[in-house]
């Protein structure tokens, strides 16, 4: 089936730009929005990133603020990750995940490189599960298998994010002992 072959090939070949290949000049918002679709596999027009979405991700703390009105590799890296993760995680969950990633990976380049390597493995695994010779009558089974893997992965991911999420008690300041009045 030609459509499955195309999907498999795209999942095997299309990847976000490596860090060193990201534009080394700062981009304005319209350039940023035009660049981002090249970073991930898309089918159709309905998935476009808008300037309002970028501003909301910045406001929500998922992406650093622009330097003036310009965006550099750090912004492109975060927006690439957010664009992929928004399909499966809430903004709150993305915040927990990105925060944990920043703590472990340190600088944005290392975090981006880890994201790209993990995305590469996930795309390869899914591409391996696709057989372009699958008869049309078996596509529902393939889709169900993929959906159930997504369900199981999302279930595990949600639980791990709950574990990573700071407990409400850890953010509270210790109470001061009040001095008794005579």
N, C-alpha and C. Protein backbone atom coordinates (compact mmCIF):
# COMPACT_ATOMS: atom_id res chain seq x y z
N UNK A 1 0.85 -1.18 0.00
CA UNK A 1 0.00 0.00 0.00
C UNK A 1 0.90 1.24 0.00
N UNK A 2 0.71 2.08 -0.99
CA UNK A 2 1.58 3.23 -1.20
C UNK A 2 1.59 4.21 -0.03
N UNK A 3 0.41 4.45 0.57
CA UNK A 3 0.33 5.40 1.68
C UNK A 3 1.12 4.90 2.89
N UNK A 4 1.07 3.59 3.17
CA UNK A 4 1.84 3.04 4.29
C UNK A 4 3.34 3.10 4.00
N UNK A 5 3.72 2.85 2.78
CA UNK A 5 5.13 2.94 2.42
C UNK A 5 5.64 4.37 2.61
N UNK A 6 4.84 5.36 2.18
CA UNK A 6 5.19 6.77 2.36
C UNK A 6 5.33 7.09 3.84
N UNK A 7 4.38 6.67 4.65
CA UNK A 7 4.43 6.91 6.09
C UNK A 7 5.68 6.28 6.70
N UNK A 8 5.92 5.03 6.39
CA UNK A 8 7.09 4.31 6.91
C UNK A 8 8.38 5.04 6.54
N UNK A 9 8.51 5.43 5.26
CA UNK A 9 9.72 6.11 4.80
C UNK A 9 9.91 7.46 5.50
N UNK A 10 8.83 8.19 5.66
CA UNK A 10 8.94 9.49 6.33
C UNK A 10 9.34 9.30 7.79
N UNK A 11 8.78 8.28 8.45
CA UNK A 11 9.13 8.02 9.85
C UNK A 11 10.58 7.53 9.98
N UNK A 12 11.10 6.92 8.97
CA UNK A 12 12.48 6.45 8.99
C UNK A 12 13.48 7.56 8.65
N UNK A 13 13.04 8.55 7.89
CA UNK A 13 13.98 9.51 7.34
C UNK A 13 13.86 10.93 7.88
N UNK A 14 12.67 11.41 8.14
CA UNK A 14 12.49 12.82 8.50
C UNK A 14 12.77 13.02 9.98
N UNK A 15 13.68 13.95 10.26
CA UNK A 15 14.07 14.26 11.62
C UNK A 15 14.22 15.77 11.78
N UNK A 16 14.10 16.25 13.02
CA UNK A 16 14.40 17.67 13.25
C UNK A 16 15.88 17.95 12.93
N UNK A 17 16.17 19.18 12.62
CA UNK A 17 17.56 19.58 12.37
C UNK A 17 18.40 19.36 13.61
N UNK A 18 19.63 18.94 13.41
CA UNK A 18 20.56 18.83 14.53
C UNK A 18 20.81 20.23 15.08
N UNK A 19 21.20 20.31 16.33
CA UNK A 19 21.43 21.60 16.99
C UNK A 19 22.34 22.50 16.16
N UNK A 20 23.46 21.93 15.70
CA UNK A 20 24.43 22.74 14.95
C UNK A 20 23.90 23.19 13.59
N UNK A 21 22.78 22.58 13.14
CA UNK A 21 22.19 22.94 11.86
C UNK A 21 21.01 23.92 12.02
N UNK A 22 20.62 24.21 13.24
CA UNK A 22 19.56 25.21 13.46
C UNK A 22 20.10 26.57 13.02
N UNK A 23 19.25 27.45 12.54
CA UNK A 23 19.73 28.77 12.11
C UNK A 23 20.53 29.45 13.22
N UNK A 24 21.70 29.94 12.88
CA UNK A 24 22.54 30.60 13.89
C UNK A 24 22.30 32.10 13.94
N UNK A 25 21.31 32.55 13.18
CA UNK A 25 20.90 33.94 13.27
C UNK A 25 19.54 33.98 13.96
N UNK A 26 19.27 35.08 14.62
CA UNK A 26 17.98 35.20 15.30
C UNK A 26 16.87 35.44 14.29
N UNK A 27 15.72 34.86 14.58
CA UNK A 27 14.57 34.95 13.69
C UNK A 27 13.48 35.81 14.32
N UNK A 28 12.75 36.52 13.48
CA UNK A 28 11.55 37.21 13.94
C UNK A 28 10.41 36.20 14.01
N UNK A 29 9.34 36.57 14.66
CA UNK A 29 8.22 35.66 14.88
C UNK A 29 7.72 35.01 13.58
N UNK A 30 7.53 35.81 12.54
CA UNK A 30 7.01 35.22 11.29
C UNK A 30 8.00 34.23 10.68
N UNK A 31 9.29 34.47 10.81
CA UNK A 31 10.31 33.53 10.32
C UNK A 31 10.32 32.25 11.17
N UNK A 32 10.15 32.42 12.47
CA UNK A 32 10.10 31.29 13.40
C UNK A 32 8.92 30.38 13.07
N UNK A 33 7.75 30.97 12.90
CA UNK A 33 6.54 30.21 12.59
C UNK A 33 6.67 29.52 11.23
N UNK A 34 7.36 30.14 10.27
CA UNK A 34 7.57 29.52 8.96
C UNK A 34 8.60 28.40 9.04
N UNK A 35 9.57 28.49 9.94
CA UNK A 35 10.64 27.49 10.04
C UNK A 35 10.16 26.21 10.74
N UNK A 36 9.38 26.34 11.78
CA UNK A 36 9.03 25.20 12.65
C UNK A 36 8.38 24.01 11.94
N UNK A 37 7.54 24.18 10.94
CA UNK A 37 6.95 22.99 10.29
C UNK A 37 7.98 22.04 9.69
N UNK A 38 9.18 22.52 9.40
CA UNK A 38 10.24 21.66 8.86
C UNK A 38 10.79 20.70 9.91
N UNK A 39 10.52 20.98 11.16
CA UNK A 39 11.14 20.22 12.25
C UNK A 39 10.46 18.88 12.51
N UNK A 40 9.18 18.75 12.22
CA UNK A 40 8.44 17.53 12.54
C UNK A 40 7.65 17.04 11.34
N UNK A 41 7.27 15.78 11.36
CA UNK A 41 6.46 15.20 10.30
C UNK A 41 5.03 15.70 10.44
N UNK A 42 4.47 16.20 9.35
CA UNK A 42 3.10 16.70 9.35
C UNK A 42 2.32 16.11 8.18
N UNK A 43 1.05 15.90 8.42
CA UNK A 43 0.13 15.50 7.37
C UNK A 43 -1.02 16.49 7.42
N UNK A 44 -1.20 17.27 6.40
CA UNK A 44 -2.29 18.24 6.38
C UNK A 44 -1.85 19.59 6.89
N UNK A 45 -2.78 20.52 6.85
CA UNK A 45 -2.50 21.90 7.19
C UNK A 45 -2.92 22.29 8.60
N UNK A 46 -3.75 21.50 9.25
CA UNK A 46 -4.35 21.90 10.52
C UNK A 46 -3.44 21.92 11.72
N UNK A 47 -2.16 21.58 11.55
CA UNK A 47 -1.26 21.47 12.69
C UNK A 47 -0.30 22.63 12.80
N UNK A 48 -0.51 23.71 12.06
CA UNK A 48 0.44 24.80 12.00
C UNK A 48 0.59 25.52 13.34
N UNK A 49 1.82 25.88 13.64
CA UNK A 49 2.13 26.68 14.82
C UNK A 49 1.83 28.14 14.48
N UNK A 50 1.21 28.84 15.40
CA UNK A 50 0.89 30.25 15.19
C UNK A 50 1.66 31.11 16.18
N UNK A 51 1.73 32.39 15.90
CA UNK A 51 2.41 33.31 16.82
C UNK A 51 1.69 33.35 18.16
N UNK A 52 0.37 33.24 18.16
CA UNK A 52 -0.37 33.22 19.42
C UNK A 52 0.01 31.99 20.25
N UNK A 53 0.19 30.84 19.60
CA UNK A 53 0.60 29.64 20.32
C UNK A 53 1.99 29.83 20.93
N UNK A 54 2.91 30.40 20.16
CA UNK A 54 4.27 30.66 20.66
C UNK A 54 4.19 31.55 21.89
N UNK A 55 3.42 32.64 21.80
CA UNK A 55 3.29 33.55 22.93
C UNK A 55 2.69 32.85 24.16
N UNK A 56 1.73 31.96 23.94
CA UNK A 56 1.14 31.22 25.06
C UNK A 56 2.15 30.26 25.68
N UNK A 57 2.96 29.60 24.86
CA UNK A 57 3.98 28.69 25.40
C UNK A 57 5.02 29.47 26.22
N UNK A 58 5.33 30.68 25.78
CA UNK A 58 6.25 31.53 26.54
C UNK A 58 5.59 31.94 27.86
N UNK A 59 4.34 32.37 27.78
CA UNK A 59 3.61 32.80 28.97
C UNK A 59 3.48 31.65 29.98
N UNK A 60 3.31 30.42 29.46
CA UNK A 60 3.17 29.25 30.34
C UNK A 60 4.51 28.74 30.86
N UNK A 61 5.61 29.36 30.43
CA UNK A 61 6.93 28.97 30.92
C UNK A 61 7.55 27.77 30.21
N UNK A 62 6.95 27.32 29.10
CA UNK A 62 7.49 26.18 28.37
C UNK A 62 8.67 26.58 27.49
N UNK A 63 8.67 27.81 27.03
CA UNK A 63 9.69 28.32 26.11
C UNK A 63 10.22 29.62 26.72
N UNK A 64 11.55 29.84 26.66
CA UNK A 64 12.10 31.10 27.18
C UNK A 64 11.59 32.31 26.40
N UNK A 65 11.61 33.44 27.04
CA UNK A 65 11.19 34.69 26.39
C UNK A 65 12.14 35.02 25.24
N UNK A 66 11.62 35.73 24.26
CA UNK A 66 12.42 36.16 23.12
C UNK A 66 13.49 37.14 23.59
N UNK A 67 14.57 37.20 22.83
CA UNK A 67 15.61 38.19 23.10
C UNK A 67 15.28 39.40 22.25
N UNK A 68 14.63 40.37 22.86
CA UNK A 68 14.05 41.46 22.09
C UNK A 68 12.85 40.89 21.37
N UNK A 69 12.85 40.96 20.07
CA UNK A 69 11.78 40.33 19.29
C UNK A 69 12.36 39.22 18.43
N UNK A 70 13.47 38.66 18.86
CA UNK A 70 14.17 37.66 18.06
C UNK A 70 14.26 36.33 18.81
N UNK A 71 14.24 35.28 18.01
CA UNK A 71 14.27 33.91 18.54
C UNK A 71 15.47 33.18 17.95
N UNK A 72 16.18 32.45 18.81
CA UNK A 72 17.38 31.73 18.37
C UNK A 72 17.22 30.23 18.51
N UNK A 73 18.33 29.50 18.46
CA UNK A 73 18.30 28.05 18.55
C UNK A 73 17.63 27.51 19.81
N UNK A 74 17.80 28.18 20.91
CA UNK A 74 17.16 27.72 22.16
C UNK A 74 15.65 27.71 21.99
N UNK A 75 15.11 28.76 21.40
CA UNK A 75 13.67 28.84 21.18
C UNK A 75 13.20 27.78 20.19
N UNK A 76 13.97 27.60 19.12
CA UNK A 76 13.63 26.57 18.11
C UNK A 76 13.64 25.18 18.74
N UNK A 77 14.62 24.93 19.59
CA UNK A 77 14.68 23.63 20.25
C UNK A 77 13.48 23.37 21.14
N UNK A 78 13.17 24.32 21.99
CA UNK A 78 12.01 24.16 22.88
C UNK A 78 10.71 24.05 22.08
N UNK A 79 10.56 24.88 21.06
CA UNK A 79 9.32 24.85 20.28
C UNK A 79 9.18 23.56 19.49
N UNK A 80 10.28 22.98 19.05
CA UNK A 80 10.22 21.69 18.37
C UNK A 80 9.70 20.63 19.34
N UNK A 81 10.24 20.61 20.55
CA UNK A 81 9.80 19.63 21.55
C UNK A 81 8.34 19.86 21.93
N UNK A 82 7.97 21.09 22.18
CA UNK A 82 6.59 21.40 22.56
C UNK A 82 5.62 21.03 21.44
N UNK A 83 6.00 21.29 20.19
CA UNK A 83 5.13 20.96 19.06
C UNK A 83 4.87 19.46 18.96
N UNK A 84 5.86 18.65 19.29
CA UNK A 84 5.67 17.20 19.28
C UNK A 84 4.89 16.75 20.51
N UNK A 85 5.25 17.26 21.67
CA UNK A 85 4.66 16.79 22.92
C UNK A 85 3.22 17.25 23.12
N UNK A 86 2.82 18.36 22.49
CA UNK A 86 1.47 18.88 22.69
C UNK A 86 0.40 17.91 22.20
N UNK A 87 0.79 16.98 21.36
CA UNK A 87 -0.16 16.00 20.84
C UNK A 87 -0.52 14.96 21.90
N UNK A 88 0.32 14.82 22.93
CA UNK A 88 0.08 13.77 23.92
C UNK A 88 0.09 14.25 25.36
N UNK A 89 0.55 15.47 25.61
CA UNK A 89 0.65 15.97 26.99
C UNK A 89 -0.07 17.31 27.13
N UNK A 90 -0.55 17.56 28.33
CA UNK A 90 -1.12 18.87 28.64
C UNK A 90 0.02 19.86 28.83
N UNK A 91 -0.30 21.13 28.82
CA UNK A 91 0.70 22.17 29.06
C UNK A 91 1.34 21.96 30.43
N UNK A 92 0.53 21.63 31.40
CA UNK A 92 1.05 21.39 32.76
C UNK A 92 2.03 20.23 32.77
N UNK A 93 1.68 19.13 32.10
CA UNK A 93 2.57 17.97 32.05
C UNK A 93 3.85 18.27 31.27
N UNK A 94 3.72 19.04 30.19
CA UNK A 94 4.93 19.43 29.45
C UNK A 94 5.85 20.26 30.34
N UNK A 95 5.26 21.13 31.15
CA UNK A 95 6.06 21.94 32.07
C UNK A 95 6.84 21.07 33.05
N UNK A 96 6.20 20.05 33.61
CA UNK A 96 6.87 19.13 34.53
C UNK A 96 8.01 18.42 33.81
N UNK A 97 7.73 17.91 32.63
CA UNK A 97 8.72 17.16 31.86
C UNK A 97 9.91 18.05 31.47
N UNK A 98 9.64 19.24 30.96
CA UNK A 98 10.72 20.13 30.55
C UNK A 98 11.54 20.59 31.75
N UNK A 99 10.88 20.83 32.86
CA UNK A 99 11.59 21.22 34.07
C UNK A 99 12.53 20.11 34.54
N UNK A 100 12.03 18.88 34.55
CA UNK A 100 12.87 17.74 34.93
C UNK A 100 14.02 17.57 33.94
N UNK A 101 13.74 17.77 32.65
CA UNK A 101 14.79 17.68 31.64
C UNK A 101 15.87 18.73 31.82
N UNK A 102 15.45 19.96 32.15
CA UNK A 102 16.44 21.02 32.38
C UNK A 102 17.31 20.69 33.58
N UNK A 103 16.71 20.11 34.62
CA UNK A 103 17.48 19.74 35.81
C UNK A 103 18.52 18.67 35.49
N UNK A 104 18.14 17.69 34.66
CA UNK A 104 19.04 16.58 34.37
C UNK A 104 20.02 16.88 33.25
N UNK A 105 19.58 17.52 32.20
CA UNK A 105 20.43 17.72 31.03
C UNK A 105 21.23 19.02 31.08
N UNK A 106 20.77 19.96 31.89
CA UNK A 106 21.49 21.22 31.99
C UNK A 106 21.16 22.17 30.87
N UNK A 107 22.10 22.36 29.96
CA UNK A 107 21.93 23.39 28.94
C UNK A 107 20.95 22.95 27.85
N UNK A 108 20.35 23.92 27.17
CA UNK A 108 19.34 23.62 26.13
C UNK A 108 19.85 22.73 25.00
N UNK A 109 21.11 22.85 24.63
CA UNK A 109 21.63 22.02 23.54
C UNK A 109 21.61 20.54 23.94
N UNK A 110 22.03 20.22 25.14
CA UNK A 110 22.00 18.82 25.59
C UNK A 110 20.57 18.31 25.69
N UNK A 111 19.67 19.14 26.19
CA UNK A 111 18.26 18.75 26.30
C UNK A 111 17.67 18.49 24.91
N UNK A 112 17.96 19.36 23.96
CA UNK A 112 17.48 19.20 22.59
C UNK A 112 18.05 17.93 21.95
N UNK A 113 19.34 17.70 22.15
CA UNK A 113 19.96 16.50 21.58
C UNK A 113 19.35 15.23 22.17
N UNK A 114 19.03 15.25 23.46
CA UNK A 114 18.38 14.09 24.07
C UNK A 114 16.98 13.90 23.46
N UNK A 115 16.24 14.99 23.34
CA UNK A 115 14.91 14.93 22.73
C UNK A 115 14.99 14.32 21.33
N UNK A 116 15.93 14.80 20.51
CA UNK A 116 16.05 14.30 19.14
C UNK A 116 16.40 12.82 19.10
N UNK A 117 17.29 12.38 19.98
CA UNK A 117 17.67 10.96 20.03
C UNK A 117 16.49 10.10 20.46
N UNK A 118 15.73 10.56 21.45
CA UNK A 118 14.56 9.81 21.91
C UNK A 118 13.48 9.78 20.83
N UNK A 119 13.28 10.89 20.15
CA UNK A 119 12.31 10.94 19.05
C UNK A 119 12.73 9.99 17.93
N UNK A 120 14.01 9.96 17.63
CA UNK A 120 14.52 9.08 16.59
C UNK A 120 14.19 7.62 16.92
N UNK A 121 14.44 7.20 18.15
CA UNK A 121 14.13 5.83 18.56
C UNK A 121 12.63 5.53 18.45
N UNK A 122 11.81 6.48 18.91
CA UNK A 122 10.36 6.27 18.86
C UNK A 122 9.86 6.15 17.42
N UNK A 123 10.36 7.01 16.54
CA UNK A 123 9.95 6.94 15.14
C UNK A 123 10.42 5.65 14.49
N UNK A 124 11.63 5.22 14.79
CA UNK A 124 12.15 3.97 14.24
C UNK A 124 11.30 2.78 14.71
N UNK A 125 10.98 2.75 16.00
CA UNK A 125 10.16 1.65 16.54
C UNK A 125 8.81 1.57 15.83
N UNK A 126 8.18 2.72 15.66
CA UNK A 126 6.87 2.72 15.01
C UNK A 126 6.99 2.38 13.53
N UNK A 127 8.02 2.90 12.87
CA UNK A 127 8.22 2.57 11.45
C UNK A 127 8.43 1.07 11.28
N UNK A 128 9.16 0.46 12.22
CA UNK A 128 9.39 -0.99 12.15
C UNK A 128 8.09 -1.78 12.27
N UNK A 129 7.11 -1.21 12.95
CA UNK A 129 5.82 -1.90 13.13
C UNK A 129 4.92 -1.77 11.90
N UNK A 130 5.31 -0.94 10.96
CA UNK A 130 4.50 -0.73 9.75
C UNK A 130 4.98 -1.62 8.61
N UNK A 131 4.06 -2.38 8.06
CA UNK A 131 4.37 -3.21 6.90
C UNK A 131 3.58 -2.66 5.71
N UNK A 132 4.29 -2.09 4.73
CA UNK A 132 3.61 -1.51 3.57
C UNK A 132 2.76 -2.51 2.79
N UNK A 133 2.99 -3.80 3.00
CA UNK A 133 2.22 -4.84 2.30
C UNK A 133 0.96 -5.25 3.06
N UNK A 134 0.66 -4.56 4.15
CA UNK A 134 -0.54 -4.87 4.92
C UNK A 134 -1.77 -4.65 4.05
N UNK A 135 -2.63 -5.66 3.97
CA UNK A 135 -3.87 -5.47 3.19
C UNK A 135 -4.78 -4.44 3.86
N UNK A 136 -5.52 -3.74 3.06
CA UNK A 136 -6.43 -2.70 3.56
C UNK A 136 -7.35 -3.22 4.66
N UNK A 137 -7.83 -4.46 4.53
CA UNK A 137 -8.75 -5.00 5.54
C UNK A 137 -8.06 -5.21 6.90
N UNK A 138 -6.73 -5.18 6.96
CA UNK A 138 -6.01 -5.33 8.23
C UNK A 138 -5.57 -4.00 8.84
N UNK A 139 -5.85 -2.89 8.15
CA UNK A 139 -5.41 -1.59 8.65
C UNK A 139 -6.05 -1.22 9.98
N UNK A 140 -7.30 -1.59 10.19
CA UNK A 140 -7.97 -1.29 11.46
C UNK A 140 -7.23 -1.98 12.61
N UNK A 141 -6.79 -3.21 12.40
CA UNK A 141 -6.04 -3.94 13.43
C UNK A 141 -4.71 -3.22 13.72
N UNK A 142 -4.03 -2.79 12.68
CA UNK A 142 -2.76 -2.08 12.85
C UNK A 142 -3.00 -0.78 13.62
N UNK A 143 -4.03 -0.05 13.24
CA UNK A 143 -4.35 1.21 13.93
C UNK A 143 -4.70 0.94 15.39
N UNK A 144 -5.45 -0.12 15.66
CA UNK A 144 -5.79 -0.46 17.05
C UNK A 144 -4.53 -0.81 17.84
N UNK A 145 -3.65 -1.61 17.27
CA UNK A 145 -2.40 -1.95 17.95
C UNK A 145 -1.60 -0.69 18.29
N UNK A 146 -1.49 0.21 17.33
CA UNK A 146 -0.76 1.46 17.57
C UNK A 146 -1.45 2.31 18.64
N UNK A 147 -2.77 2.37 18.58
CA UNK A 147 -3.53 3.15 19.58
C UNK A 147 -3.34 2.57 20.97
N UNK A 148 -3.34 1.25 21.09
CA UNK A 148 -3.18 0.62 22.40
C UNK A 148 -1.76 0.81 22.94
N UNK A 149 -0.77 0.81 22.06
CA UNK A 149 0.59 1.14 22.50
C UNK A 149 0.64 2.58 22.99
N UNK A 150 -0.05 3.47 22.28
CA UNK A 150 -0.11 4.87 22.72
C UNK A 150 -0.77 4.98 24.08
N UNK A 151 -1.86 4.24 24.28
CA UNK A 151 -2.57 4.25 25.56
C UNK A 151 -1.64 3.78 26.67
N UNK A 152 -0.97 2.65 26.46
CA UNK A 152 -0.08 2.11 27.49
C UNK A 152 1.07 3.08 27.78
N UNK A 153 1.65 3.67 26.74
CA UNK A 153 2.74 4.63 26.93
C UNK A 153 2.25 5.87 27.65
N UNK A 154 1.06 6.35 27.28
CA UNK A 154 0.51 7.55 27.93
C UNK A 154 0.21 7.27 29.39
N UNK A 155 -0.31 6.09 29.70
CA UNK A 155 -0.60 5.70 31.07
C UNK A 155 0.67 5.72 31.91
N UNK A 156 1.73 5.10 31.41
CA UNK A 156 3.00 5.07 32.12
C UNK A 156 3.59 6.48 32.24
N UNK A 157 3.51 7.26 31.17
CA UNK A 157 4.02 8.62 31.18
C UNK A 157 3.30 9.47 32.22
N UNK A 158 1.98 9.39 32.27
CA UNK A 158 1.21 10.18 33.23
C UNK A 158 1.60 9.83 34.66
N UNK A 159 1.78 8.56 34.93
CA UNK A 159 2.15 8.15 36.30
C UNK A 159 3.55 8.65 36.65
N UNK A 160 4.48 8.56 35.71
CA UNK A 160 5.84 9.03 35.96
C UNK A 160 5.85 10.55 36.17
N UNK A 161 5.05 11.28 35.39
CA UNK A 161 4.96 12.72 35.59
C UNK A 161 4.37 13.06 36.95
N UNK A 162 3.42 12.25 37.42
CA UNK A 162 2.88 12.44 38.77
C UNK A 162 3.98 12.28 39.82
N UNK A 163 4.85 11.31 39.60
CA UNK A 163 5.96 11.09 40.53
C UNK A 163 6.94 12.27 40.49
N UNK A 164 7.19 12.80 39.29
CA UNK A 164 8.11 13.93 39.14
C UNK A 164 7.54 15.25 39.64
N UNK A 165 6.21 15.36 39.59
CA UNK A 165 5.56 16.62 39.97
C UNK A 165 5.82 16.92 41.43
N UNK A 166 6.25 18.14 41.73
CA UNK A 166 6.48 18.48 43.14
C UNK A 166 5.18 18.34 43.93
N UNK A 167 5.32 17.77 45.11
CA UNK A 167 4.13 17.64 45.94
C UNK A 167 3.74 19.01 46.47
N UNK A 168 2.45 19.21 46.72
CA UNK A 168 2.01 20.53 47.21
C UNK A 168 2.68 20.90 48.52
N UNK A 169 3.04 19.89 49.30
CA UNK A 169 3.65 20.16 50.61
C UNK A 169 5.11 20.59 50.48
N UNK A 170 5.78 20.21 49.41
CA UNK A 170 7.19 20.55 49.26
C UNK A 170 7.39 22.02 48.92
N UNK A 171 6.35 22.68 48.43
CA UNK A 171 6.47 24.09 48.08
C UNK A 171 6.07 25.02 49.22
N UNK A 172 5.48 24.45 50.26
CA UNK A 172 5.07 25.28 51.38
C UNK A 172 6.28 25.67 52.20
N UNK A 173 6.23 26.88 52.74
CA UNK A 173 7.30 27.33 53.62
C UNK A 173 7.00 26.80 55.01
N UNK A 174 8.06 26.44 55.74
CA UNK A 174 7.83 25.95 57.09
C UNK A 174 7.17 27.03 57.94
N UNK A 175 6.27 26.60 58.79
CA UNK A 175 5.58 27.55 59.64
C UNK A 175 6.53 28.06 60.72
N UNK A 176 6.37 29.32 61.01
CA UNK A 176 7.15 29.91 62.11
C UNK A 176 6.45 29.61 63.41
N UNK A 177 7.26 29.34 64.39
CA UNK A 177 6.67 29.15 65.72
C UNK A 177 6.33 30.51 66.27
N UNK A 178 5.11 30.64 66.70
CA UNK A 178 4.70 31.94 67.22
C UNK A 178 5.15 32.08 68.68
N UNK A 179 5.52 33.28 68.96
CA UNK A 179 5.92 33.56 70.34
C UNK A 179 4.66 33.75 71.16
N UNK A 180 4.65 33.12 72.30
CA UNK A 180 3.48 33.28 73.17
C UNK A 180 3.56 34.61 73.86
N UNK A 181 2.46 35.25 73.89
CA UNK A 181 2.34 36.53 74.58
C UNK A 181 2.13 36.25 76.08
N UNK A 182 2.79 37.02 76.93
CA UNK A 182 2.57 36.79 78.38
C UNK A 182 1.20 37.23 78.82
